[in-house]
Amino acid sequence: MRGILIERNFTQFVVFAEDSILSALSKITANQSRLIFVVSESGILQGVLTDGDFRRWIAGCGEIDLNRPVTAAMNANCRSAAEGTSASDLSALLNSRIIALPLLDSHGRIVAVARRATDGLQIGSHRIGDDAPCFLIAEIGNNHNGDFDTALQLIDAAHAAGADCAKF
């Protein structure tokens, strides 16, 4: 069994109910998870918008207006789990149709998002794995000769050259 990943930094998976459908679609594109959870201003789960929900909304609505609130296209019947649900119970809830679950506190606010762990690991916004882009590490070592300003210049040069991180 593959593990469960609990994302506590879940802003990439959330939009506010008053945000536009277009804004929600942009966030879905950015998070590459084919879904976004919709919350009230106080963080209470209102529903989910998936790629499929959006297609069904387009097929069923008369006039397409992507500036309408995301609540117009979302699915209010969203599956969720309580914060603290065991990994085995979460694994049983996640399947080919449900790829992520919002984890809720006792007030119905999202506190994390659970999903199946993928092969590889995450470093900041970079995913490391077989099908991920290369992660370039610049080796600075002691080339700064103990000089802080030189070290900063080397970091800047590594960044300008396209390095994702620097190693000393």
C-alpha atoms as a PDB file:
ATOM      1  CA  MET A   1       0.000   0.000   0.000  1.00  0.00           C
ATOM      2  CA  ARG A   2       1.284   3.426  -0.923  1.00  0.00           C
ATOM      3  CA  GLY A   3       1.312   5.945   1.914  1.00  0.00           C
ATOM      4  CA  ILE A   4      -0.973   8.881   2.535  1.00  0.00           C
ATOM      5  CA  LEU A   5       0.333  12.423   2.181  1.00  0.00           C
ATOM      6  CA  ILE A   6      -1.188  14.986   4.558  1.00  0.00           C
ATOM      7  CA  GLU A   7      -0.742  18.501   3.139  1.00  0.00           C
ATOM      8  CA  ARG A   8      -0.960  21.080   5.934  1.00  0.00           C
ATOM      9  CA  ASN A   9       0.088  23.836   3.532  1.00  0.00           C
ATOM     10  CA  PHE A  10      -3.080  23.442   1.484  1.00  0.00           C
ATOM     11  CA  THR A  11      -3.630  26.929   0.031  1.00  0.00           C
ATOM     12  CA  GLN A  12      -2.980  25.516  -3.454  1.00  0.00           C
ATOM     13  CA  PHE A  13      -6.124  23.380  -3.018  1.00  0.00           C
ATOM     14  CA  VAL A  14      -8.520  26.093  -1.784  1.00  0.00           C
ATOM     15  CA  VAL A  15     -10.510  29.021  -3.178  1.00  0.00           C
ATOM     16  CA  PHE A  16     -13.110  31.180  -1.486  1.00  0.00           C
ATOM     17  CA  ALA A  17     -16.788  30.774  -2.370  1.00  0.00           C
ATOM     18  CA  GLU A  18     -16.959  34.290  -3.815  1.00  0.00           C
ATOM     19  CA  ASP A  19     -13.936  33.722  -6.105  1.00  0.00           C
ATOM     20  CA  SER A  20     -14.724  33.440  -9.809  1.00  0.00           C
ATOM     21  CA  ILE A  21     -14.916  30.175 -11.707  1.00  0.00           C
ATOM     22  CA  LEU A  22     -12.010  31.436 -13.829  1.00  0.00           C
ATOM     23  CA  SER A  23      -9.902  31.999 -10.704  1.00  0.00           C
ATOM     24  CA  ALA A  24     -10.721  28.481  -9.491  1.00  0.00           C
ATOM     25  CA  LEU A  25      -9.782  26.996 -12.874  1.00  0.00           C
ATOM     26  CA  SER A  26      -6.461  28.847 -12.795  1.00  0.00           C
ATOM     27  CA  LYS A  27      -5.739  27.371  -9.378  1.00  0.00           C
ATOM     28  CA  ILE A  28      -6.683  23.875 -10.570  1.00  0.00           C
ATOM     29  CA  THR A  29      -4.231  24.294 -13.443  1.00  0.00           C
ATOM     30  CA  ALA A  30      -1.511  25.469 -11.047  1.00  0.00           C
ATOM     31  CA  ASN A  31      -1.959  22.673  -8.490  1.00  0.00           C
ATOM     32  CA  GLN A  32      -2.144  19.965 -11.195  1.00  0.00           C
ATOM     33  CA  SER A  33      -4.555  17.916  -9.071  1.00  0.00           C
ATOM     34  CA  ARG A  34      -7.712  18.340 -11.183  1.00  0.00           C
ATOM     35  CA  LEU A  35      -9.647  19.782  -8.239  1.00  0.00           C
ATOM     36  CA  ILE A  36     -10.082  22.684  -5.864  1.00  0.00           C
ATOM     37  CA  PHE A  37     -11.977  22.865  -2.562  1.00  0.00           C
ATOM     38  CA  VAL A  38     -14.326  25.788  -2.005  1.00  0.00           C
ATOM     39  CA  VAL A  39     -14.472  27.400   1.448  1.00  0.00           C
ATOM     40  CA  SER A  40     -16.320  30.248   3.117  1.00  0.00           C
ATOM     41  CA  GLU A  41     -14.453  33.299   4.415  1.00  0.00           C
ATOM     42  CA  SER A  42     -14.055  31.473   7.731  1.00  0.00           C
ATOM     43  CA  GLY A  43     -12.562  28.398   6.039  1.00  0.00           C
ATOM     44  CA  ILE A  44     -15.638  26.161   6.292  1.00  0.00           C
ATOM     45  CA  LEU A  45     -15.879  23.635   3.460  1.00  0.00           C
ATOM     46  CA  GLN A  46     -18.624  24.511   0.961  1.00  0.00           C
ATOM     47  CA  GLY A  47     -17.866  22.037  -1.832  1.00  0.00           C
ATOM     48  CA  VAL A  48     -15.423  20.946  -4.502  1.00  0.00           C
ATOM     49  CA  LEU A  49     -14.856  21.849  -8.131  1.00  0.00           C
ATOM     50  CA  THR A  50     -13.241  19.148 -10.254  1.00  0.00           C
ATOM     51  CA  ASP A  51     -12.493  19.051 -13.963  1.00  0.00           C
ATOM     52  CA  GLY A  52     -15.560  16.827 -14.333  1.00  0.00           C
ATOM     53  CA  ASP A  53     -17.788  19.188 -12.312  1.00  0.00           C
ATOM     54  CA  PHE A  54     -16.722  22.034 -14.581  1.00  0.00           C
ATOM     55  CA  ARG A  55     -17.491  20.049 -17.753  1.00  0.00           C
ATOM     56  CA  ARG A  56     -20.932  19.083 -16.387  1.00  0.00           C
ATOM     57  CA  TRP A  57     -21.612  22.729 -15.478  1.00  0.00           C
ATOM     58  CA  ILE A  58     -20.701  23.925 -18.988  1.00  0.00           C
ATOM     59  CA  ALA A  59     -22.893  21.239 -20.571  1.00  0.00           C
ATOM     60  CA  GLY A  60     -25.860  22.145 -18.378  1.00  0.00           C
ATOM     61  CA  CYS A  61     -25.762  25.919 -18.136  1.00  0.00           C
ATOM     62  CA  GLY A  62     -27.352  28.190 -20.686  1.00  0.00           C
ATOM     63  CA  GLU A  63     -24.898  31.065 -20.622  1.00  0.00           C
ATOM     64  CA  ILE A  64     -21.246  30.488 -19.789  1.00  0.00           C
ATOM     65  CA  ASP A  65     -19.888  33.245 -17.574  1.00  0.00           C
ATOM     66  CA  LEU A  66     -16.535  32.386 -15.995  1.00  0.00           C
ATOM     67  CA  ASN A  67     -16.761  35.487 -13.801  1.00  0.00           C
ATOM     68  CA  ARG A  68     -19.633  33.957 -11.816  1.00  0.00           C
ATOM     69  CA  PRO A  69     -18.813  32.745  -8.298  1.00  0.00           C
ATOM     70  CA  VAL A  70     -17.288  29.271  -8.168  1.00  0.00           C
ATOM     71  CA  THR A  71     -20.304  28.160  -6.117  1.00  0.00           C
ATOM     72  CA  ALA A  72     -22.319  28.179  -9.371  1.00  0.00           C
ATOM     73  CA  ALA A  73     -20.277  25.270 -10.748  1.00  0.00           C
ATOM     74  CA  MET A  74     -19.073  23.457  -7.614  1.00  0.00           C
ATOM     75  CA  ASN A  75     -20.361  20.171  -6.234  1.00  0.00           C
ATOM     76  CA  ALA A  76     -21.710  20.771  -2.713  1.00  0.00           C
ATOM     77  CA  ASN A  77     -21.756  17.006  -2.024  1.00  0.00           C
ATOM     78  CA  CYS A  78     -18.064  16.845  -1.233  1.00  0.00           C
ATOM     79  CA  ARG A  79     -16.532  13.899   0.595  1.00  0.00           C
ATOM     80  CA  SER A  80     -14.343  14.807   3.565  1.00  0.00           C
ATOM     81  CA  ALA A  81     -12.794  13.224   6.641  1.00  0.00           C
ATOM     82  CA  ALA A  82     -12.207  14.388  10.176  1.00  0.00           C
ATOM     83  CA  GLU A  83      -8.821  15.651  11.244  1.00  0.00           C
ATOM     84  CA  GLY A  84      -7.031  12.761  12.912  1.00  0.00           C
ATOM     85  CA  THR A  85      -8.577  10.049  10.705  1.00  0.00           C
ATOM     86  CA  SER A  86      -6.157   7.125  10.510  1.00  0.00           C
ATOM     87  CA  ALA A  87      -4.049   6.564   7.415  1.00  0.00           C
ATOM     88  CA  SER A  88      -5.734   3.203   6.806  1.00  0.00           C
ATOM     89  CA  ASP A  89      -9.204   4.801   6.914  1.00  0.00           C
ATOM     90  CA  LEU A  90      -8.046   7.598   4.587  1.00  0.00           C
ATOM     91  CA  SER A  91      -6.576   5.014   2.235  1.00  0.00           C
ATOM     92  CA  ALA A  92      -9.953   3.249   2.112  1.00  0.00           C
ATOM     93  CA  LEU A  93     -11.691   6.541   1.212  1.00  0.00           C
ATOM     94  CA  LEU A  94      -9.235   7.529  -1.529  1.00  0.00           C
ATOM     95  CA  ASN A  95      -9.723   5.787  -4.858  1.00  0.00           C
ATOM     96  CA  SER A  96      -9.600   6.484  -8.587  1.00  0.00           C
ATOM     97  CA  ARG A  97     -12.603   8.848  -8.291  1.00  0.00           C
ATOM     98  CA  ILE A  98     -11.638  10.541  -5.006  1.00  0.00           C
ATOM     99  CA  ILE A  99      -8.016  11.636  -5.345  1.00  0.00           C
ATOM    100  CA  ALA A 100      -7.932  14.085  -2.418  1.00  0.00           C
ATOM    101  CA  LEU A 101      -9.914  14.578   0.768  1.00  0.00           C
ATOM    102  CA  PRO A 102     -10.202  17.730   2.825  1.00  0.00           C
ATOM    103  CA  LEU A 103      -9.565  17.034   6.505  1.00  0.00           C
ATOM    104  CA  LEU A 104     -11.899  19.067   8.700  1.00  0.00           C
ATOM    105  CA  ASP A 105     -11.776  20.263  12.295  1.00  0.00           C
ATOM    106  CA  SER A 106     -14.836  20.058  14.557  1.00  0.00           C
ATOM    107  CA  HIS A 107     -16.197  23.301  13.047  1.00  0.00           C
ATOM    108  CA  GLY A 108     -16.025  22.061   9.443  1.00  0.00           C
ATOM    109  CA  ARG A 109     -12.931  24.105   8.553  1.00  0.00           C
ATOM    110  CA  ILE A 110     -10.265  22.605   6.328  1.00  0.00           C
ATOM    111  CA  VAL A 111      -7.066  22.016   8.286  1.00  0.00           C
ATOM    112  CA  ALA A 112      -5.281  19.748   5.788  1.00  0.00           C
ATOM    113  CA  VAL A 113      -5.721  17.834   2.537  1.00  0.00           C
ATOM    114  CA  ALA A 114      -5.066  14.087   2.337  1.00  0.00           C
ATOM    115  CA  ARG A 115      -4.011  12.359  -0.864  1.00  0.00           C
ATOM    116  CA  ARG A 116      -2.065   9.306  -1.903  1.00  0.00           C
ATOM    117  CA  ALA A 117       1.668   9.758  -1.727  1.00  0.00           C
ATOM    118  CA  THR A 118       3.397   9.587  -5.069  1.00  0.00           C
ATOM    119  CA  ASP A 119       6.801   8.161  -5.755  1.00  0.00           C
ATOM    120  CA  GLY A 120       9.452  10.747  -5.008  1.00  0.00           C
ATOM    121  CA  LEU A 121       9.488  13.640  -2.581  1.00  0.00           C
ATOM    122  CA  GLN A 122       8.670  17.321  -2.364  1.00  0.00           C
ATOM    123  CA  ILE A 123      11.210  20.118  -1.720  1.00  0.00           C
ATOM    124  CA  GLY A 124       9.363  23.408  -1.452  1.00  0.00           C
ATOM    125  CA  SER A 125       7.414  23.770  -4.681  1.00  0.00           C
ATOM    126  CA  HIS A 126       9.606  21.219  -6.502  1.00  0.00           C
ATOM    127  CA  ARG A 127       8.602  17.578  -6.845  1.00  0.00           C
ATOM    128  CA  ILE A 128      11.492  15.150  -7.101  1.00  0.00           C
ATOM    129  CA  GLY A 129      10.744  11.916  -8.940  1.00  0.00           C
ATOM    130  CA  ASP A 130      11.167   9.885 -12.110  1.00  0.00           C
ATOM    131  CA  ASP A 131       8.635  11.895 -14.113  1.00  0.00           C
ATOM    132  CA  ALA A 132       9.503  15.323 -12.643  1.00  0.00           C
ATOM    133  CA  PRO A 133      11.767  17.959 -14.185  1.00  0.00           C
ATOM    134  CA  CYS A 134      15.409  17.940 -13.068  1.00  0.00           C
ATOM    135  CA  PHE A 135      16.204  19.591  -9.740  1.00  0.00           C
ATOM    136  CA  LEU A 136      19.489  21.443 -10.215  1.00  0.00           C
ATOM    137  CA  ILE A 137      21.767  21.869  -7.185  1.00  0.00           C
ATOM    138  CA  ALA A 138      24.649  24.360  -7.380  1.00  0.00           C
ATOM    139  CA  GLU A 139      27.699  23.221  -5.404  1.00  0.00           C
ATOM    140  CA  ILE A 140      29.257  26.271  -3.771  1.00  0.00           C
ATOM    141  CA  GLY A 141      31.194  24.439  -1.069  1.00  0.00           C
ATOM    142  CA  ASN A 142      33.903  26.659   0.422  1.00  0.00           C
ATOM    143  CA  ASN A 143      34.513  28.672  -2.759  1.00  0.00           C
ATOM    144  CA  HIS A 144      33.484  31.762  -0.802  1.00  0.00           C
ATOM    145  CA  ASN A 145      36.610  31.350   1.389  1.00  0.00           C
ATOM    146  CA  GLY A 146      34.618  32.336   4.464  1.00  0.00           C
ATOM    147  CA  ASP A 147      33.541  35.685   3.010  1.00  0.00           C
ATOM    148  CA  PHE A 148      29.792  36.253   3.501  1.00  0.00           C
ATOM    149  CA  ASP A 149      29.438  38.751   0.641  1.00  0.00           C
ATOM    150  CA  THR A 150      31.178  36.373  -1.759  1.00  0.00           C
ATOM    151  CA  ALA A 151      28.859  33.577  -0.623  1.00  0.00           C
ATOM    152  CA  LEU A 152      25.829  35.768  -1.401  1.00  0.00           C
ATOM    153  CA  GLN A 153      27.262  36.605  -4.830  1.00  0.00           C
ATOM    154  CA  LEU A 154      27.771  32.906  -5.554  1.00  0.00           C
ATOM    155  CA  ILE A 155      24.178  32.157  -4.512  1.00  0.00           C
ATOM    156  CA  ASP A 156      22.914  34.923  -6.810  1.00  0.00           C
ATOM    157  CA  ALA A 157      25.059  33.600  -9.670  1.00  0.00           C
ATOM    158  CA  ALA A 158      23.744  30.061  -9.115  1.00  0.00           C
ATOM    159  CA  HIS A 159      20.174  31.371  -9.174  1.00  0.00           C
ATOM    160  CA  ALA A 160      20.827  33.373 -12.344  1.00  0.00           C
ATOM    161  CA  ALA A 161      22.252  30.224 -13.954  1.00  0.00           C
ATOM    162  CA  GLY A 162      19.002  28.367 -13.225  1.00  0.00           C
ATOM    163  CA  ALA A 163      19.906  26.395 -10.106  1.00  0.00           C
ATOM    164  CA  ASP A 164      16.982  25.373  -7.897  1.00  0.00           C
ATOM    165  CA  CYS A 165      19.100  25.455  -4.739  1.00  0.00           C
ATOM    166  CA  ALA A 166      22.665  25.962  -3.553  1.00  0.00           C
ATOM    167  CA  LYS A 167      24.727  23.586  -1.430  1.00  0.00           C
ATOM    168  CA  PHE A 168      27.676  24.517   0.744  1.00  0.00           C
END
